[in-house]
Amino acid sequence: MHILTEDHRIQRHIRRGIRKMHSDSS
């Protein structure tokens, strides 16, 4: 069951992307 680990990694990547999106919008 490595879904949780993958989910965590994806979530971190998504959070980073959101921050980048916010910076781009600024």
Protein backbone atom coordinates (compact mmCIF):
# COMPACT_ATOMS: atom_id res chain seq x y z
CA MET A 1 0.00 0.00 0.00
CA HIS A 2 2.18 2.81 -1.26
CA ILE A 3 -0.77 4.95 -2.24
CA LEU A 4 -0.50 7.12 0.88
CA THR A 5 3.17 7.78 0.25
CA GLU A 6 2.50 8.67 -3.37
CA ASP A 7 -0.43 10.86 -2.36
CA HIS A 8 1.79 12.69 0.10
CA ARG A 9 4.44 13.25 -2.56
CA ILE A 10 1.84 14.43 -5.06
CA GLN A 11 0.27 16.75 -2.50
CA ARG A 12 3.66 18.32 -1.83
CA HIS A 13 4.22 18.75 -5.57
CA ILE A 14 0.75 20.27 -5.98
CA ARG A 15 1.35 22.68 -3.11
CA ARG A 16 4.59 23.77 -4.78
CA GLY A 17 2.75 24.25 -8.07
CA ILE A 18 0.06 26.33 -6.39
CA ARG A 19 2.72 28.57 -4.88
CA LYS A 20 4.28 28.97 -8.33
CA MET A 21 0.87 29.78 -9.79
CA HIS A 22 0.33 32.43 -7.12
CA SER A 23 3.73 33.93 -7.85
CA ASP A 24 2.95 33.93 -11.57
CA SER A 25 -0.39 35.65 -10.91
CA SER A 26 1.28 38.31 -8.79
